[in-house]
Amino acid sequence: MDAETTYVHSPKKATIFSAVLPGLGQAYNKKYWKIPIIYIGFGTIGYFIHWNNDYYKTMKLAYTDLTDSEPDGPWGEDDPSNSYMDIKPDWVDLDNATDYENFKTSISKQQDYYRRNRDLLVIGFVGFYGLQIIDASVDAHLFDFDMSDDLSLNWQPTMQSFNKQNIYGINCTFTF
């Protein structure tokens, strides 16, 4: 590089860097304060994906164990296939057909609820990933943008003629 060559900030580089490693595009743009926000966002979404997935698996296992044709299994009350007993409220009597059906429906709905939340959070994770790439790209495009010190807004009354009639209004001028 000779003394005549100037440095050009590349939006393409920022986009690729951010796609390869989240936050790297922001570092390339010298916006270091955004990097912890990106990783806190990914960590939070990841935590809630894990949390919903754990509850989904718990409800799925409980539903499978509850609807199993051999509820007590070969081990009796200590059977590991009685996982639904851990989430069953005390007032539910599984020998009562109505309570049994209501409990089974409740577990099924909870299973669907946690699966839906998990899936939406996965979509949110992908969206957040894309958003940080877009942020790096837009920031790189605006990296060399020269903003004048004179940012002003000028309001003035105005009069214009339309079909040989005077129309009064306000003229707004932005200076930047």
Protein backbone atom coordinates (compact mmCIF):
# COMPACT_ATOMS: atom_id res chain seq x y z
CA MET A 1 0.00 0.00 0.00
CA ASP A 2 1.32 3.37 -0.90
CA ALA A 3 0.56 6.72 0.73
CA GLU A 4 -2.06 7.58 -1.94
CA THR A 5 -4.30 4.57 -1.21
CA THR A 6 -7.19 5.19 1.16
CA TYR A 7 -8.92 2.67 3.36
CA VAL A 8 -12.43 1.72 2.22
CA HIS A 9 -14.76 0.19 4.80
CA SER A 10 -16.40 -2.85 3.22
CA PRO A 11 -20.04 -3.69 4.04
CA LYS A 12 -19.51 -7.08 2.36
CA LYS A 13 -16.70 -7.91 4.79
CA ALA A 14 -18.80 -6.84 7.78
CA THR A 15 -21.68 -9.02 6.58
CA ILE A 16 -19.48 -12.07 6.04
CA PHE A 17 -17.68 -11.58 9.35
CA SER A 18 -20.98 -11.32 11.20
CA ALA A 19 -22.37 -14.39 9.43
CA VAL A 20 -19.30 -16.47 10.29
CA LEU A 21 -19.11 -15.38 13.93
CA PRO A 22 -21.86 -13.27 15.50
CA GLY A 23 -20.42 -9.99 16.72
CA LEU A 24 -17.37 -10.08 14.48
CA GLY A 25 -19.01 -7.73 11.99
CA GLN A 26 -19.76 -5.30 14.81
CA ALA A 27 -16.10 -5.50 15.88
CA TYR A 28 -15.06 -4.79 12.28
CA ASN A 29 -17.34 -1.72 12.36
CA LYS A 30 -15.72 -0.66 15.65
CA LYS A 31 -19.05 -0.90 17.50
CA TYR A 32 -17.67 -3.00 20.35
CA TRP A 33 -20.51 -2.11 22.72
CA LYS A 34 -22.95 -4.16 20.59
CA ILE A 35 -21.05 -7.45 21.03
CA PRO A 36 -22.19 -8.15 24.63
CA ILE A 37 -25.78 -7.31 23.65
CA ILE A 38 -25.62 -9.87 20.84
CA TYR A 39 -24.27 -12.61 23.09
CA ILE A 40 -26.71 -11.80 25.90
CA GLY A 41 -29.51 -12.05 23.34
CA PHE A 42 -28.28 -15.41 22.04
CA GLY A 43 -27.76 -16.69 25.59
CA THR A 44 -31.24 -15.62 26.71
CA ILE A 45 -32.97 -17.17 23.71
CA GLY A 46 -30.87 -20.33 24.10
CA TYR A 47 -31.74 -20.58 27.78
CA PHE A 48 -35.47 -20.37 27.08
CA ILE A 49 -35.21 -22.90 24.24
CA HIS A 50 -33.56 -25.31 26.69
CA TRP A 51 -36.10 -24.54 29.44
CA ASN A 52 -39.11 -25.12 27.18
CA ASN A 53 -37.55 -28.25 25.70
CA ASP A 54 -37.01 -29.73 29.18
CA TYR A 55 -40.65 -29.16 30.10
CA TYR A 56 -41.77 -30.49 26.72
CA LYS A 57 -39.80 -33.72 27.26
CA THR A 58 -41.18 -34.01 30.80
CA MET A 59 -44.77 -33.66 29.59
CA LYS A 60 -44.18 -36.01 26.66
CA LEU A 61 -42.80 -38.69 28.97
CA ALA A 62 -45.62 -38.16 31.46
CA TYR A 63 -48.23 -38.48 28.70
CA THR A 64 -46.57 -41.62 27.35
CA ASP A 65 -46.38 -43.16 30.82
CA LEU A 66 -49.98 -42.20 31.65
CA THR A 67 -51.38 -43.73 28.47
CA ASP A 68 -49.20 -46.84 28.74
CA SER A 69 -51.27 -50.04 28.73
CA GLU A 70 -49.37 -51.41 31.74
CA PRO A 71 -49.33 -48.41 34.14
CA ASP A 72 -47.57 -50.03 37.11
CA GLY A 73 -45.10 -52.01 35.06
CA PRO A 74 -43.18 -54.99 36.46
CA TRP A 75 -41.79 -52.96 39.39
CA GLY A 76 -45.07 -51.86 40.94
CA GLU A 77 -45.19 -48.37 42.52
CA ASP A 78 -41.42 -47.84 42.06
CA ASP A 79 -41.76 -48.21 38.28
CA PRO A 80 -39.80 -45.50 36.42
CA SER A 81 -42.72 -45.32 33.97
CA ASN A 82 -44.81 -43.49 36.59
CA SER A 83 -43.32 -40.10 35.75
CA TYR A 84 -46.77 -38.54 35.55
CA MET A 85 -47.05 -38.94 39.33
CA ASP A 86 -44.42 -36.20 39.74
CA ILE A 87 -46.67 -33.61 38.07
CA LYS A 88 -50.07 -34.93 39.21
CA PRO A 89 -51.85 -32.62 41.65
CA ASP A 90 -52.97 -34.23 44.92
CA TRP A 91 -56.66 -33.68 44.23
CA VAL A 92 -56.63 -35.67 40.96
CA ASP A 93 -58.00 -39.21 41.38
CA LEU A 94 -56.77 -41.29 38.45
CA ASP A 95 -59.28 -44.04 39.26
CA ASN A 96 -62.07 -41.57 38.40
CA ALA A 97 -62.61 -41.62 34.61
CA THR A 98 -63.35 -37.87 34.41
CA ASP A 99 -60.27 -36.91 36.42
CA TYR A 100 -58.16 -39.29 34.33
CA GLU A 101 -59.36 -37.78 31.02
CA ASN A 102 -58.98 -34.22 32.30
CA PHE A 103 -55.45 -34.94 33.52
CA LYS A 104 -54.55 -36.63 30.23
CA THR A 105 -55.92 -33.64 28.27
CA SER A 106 -54.05 -31.23 30.54
CA ILE A 107 -50.74 -33.01 30.00
CA SER A 108 -51.35 -33.10 26.24
CA LYS A 109 -52.08 -29.35 26.14
CA GLN A 110 -49.01 -28.56 28.25
CA GLN A 111 -46.89 -30.71 25.95
CA ASP A 112 -48.20 -28.79 22.92
CA TYR A 113 -47.66 -25.45 24.71
CA TYR A 114 -44.00 -26.12 25.53
CA ARG A 115 -43.29 -27.57 22.07
CA ARG A 116 -44.84 -24.51 20.40
CA ASN A 117 -42.84 -22.11 22.60
CA ARG A 118 -39.64 -24.02 21.91
CA ASP A 119 -40.24 -23.97 18.17
CA LEU A 120 -41.07 -20.24 18.18
CA LEU A 121 -37.91 -19.54 20.14
CA VAL A 122 -35.85 -21.48 17.59
CA ILE A 123 -37.36 -19.25 14.89
CA GLY A 124 -36.55 -16.25 17.08
CA PHE A 125 -32.97 -17.47 17.43
CA VAL A 126 -32.58 -17.65 13.65
CA GLY A 127 -34.24 -14.23 13.32
CA PHE A 128 -31.90 -12.72 15.90
CA TYR A 129 -28.95 -14.23 14.04
CA GLY A 130 -30.16 -12.60 10.83
CA LEU A 131 -30.81 -9.31 12.60
CA GLN A 132 -27.25 -9.03 13.87
CA ILE A 133 -25.99 -9.70 10.32
CA ILE A 134 -28.25 -6.95 8.98
CA ASP A 135 -27.08 -4.62 11.76
CA ALA A 136 -23.44 -5.17 10.81
CA SER A 137 -24.18 -4.60 7.13
CA VAL A 138 -26.18 -1.40 7.64
CA ASP A 139 -23.64 -0.07 10.12
CA ALA A 140 -20.84 -0.75 7.62
CA HIS A 141 -22.75 1.09 4.90
CA LEU A 142 -23.07 4.10 7.20
CA PHE A 143 -19.50 3.86 8.52
CA ASP A 144 -18.12 6.61 6.28
CA PHE A 145 -21.29 8.72 6.29
CA ASP A 146 -20.31 12.33 6.94
CA MET A 147 -22.87 14.10 9.12
CA SER A 148 -22.71 17.89 9.11
CA ASP A 149 -22.82 19.87 12.35
CA ASP A 150 -25.73 21.89 10.94
CA LEU A 151 -28.79 19.73 11.46
CA SER A 152 -31.73 22.08 11.34
CA LEU A 153 -35.42 22.11 10.64
CA ASN A 154 -36.96 25.28 9.24
CA TRP A 155 -40.73 25.91 9.35
CA GLN A 156 -42.14 28.78 7.28
CA PRO A 157 -45.64 29.79 6.24
CA THR A 158 -46.14 29.50 2.50
CA MET A 159 -48.68 30.43 -0.14
CA GLN A 160 -49.14 28.57 -3.41
CA SER A 161 -51.54 28.99 -6.25
CA PHE A 162 -53.67 26.10 -7.44
CA ASN A 163 -56.35 26.58 -10.15
CA LYS A 164 -56.03 30.34 -9.72
CA GLN A 165 -56.80 30.08 -5.99
CA ASN A 166 -54.35 30.81 -3.20
CA ILE A 167 -53.63 27.95 -0.83
CA TYR A 168 -52.00 28.70 2.51
CA GLY A 169 -49.82 26.14 4.24
CA ILE A 170 -46.57 25.41 6.00
CA ASN A 171 -43.27 24.76 4.24
CA CYS A 172 -40.83 22.46 6.05
CA THR A 173 -37.14 22.42 5.10
CA PHE A 174 -34.57 19.99 6.46
CA THR A 175 -30.92 20.95 6.29
CA PHE A 176 -28.21 18.33 6.81
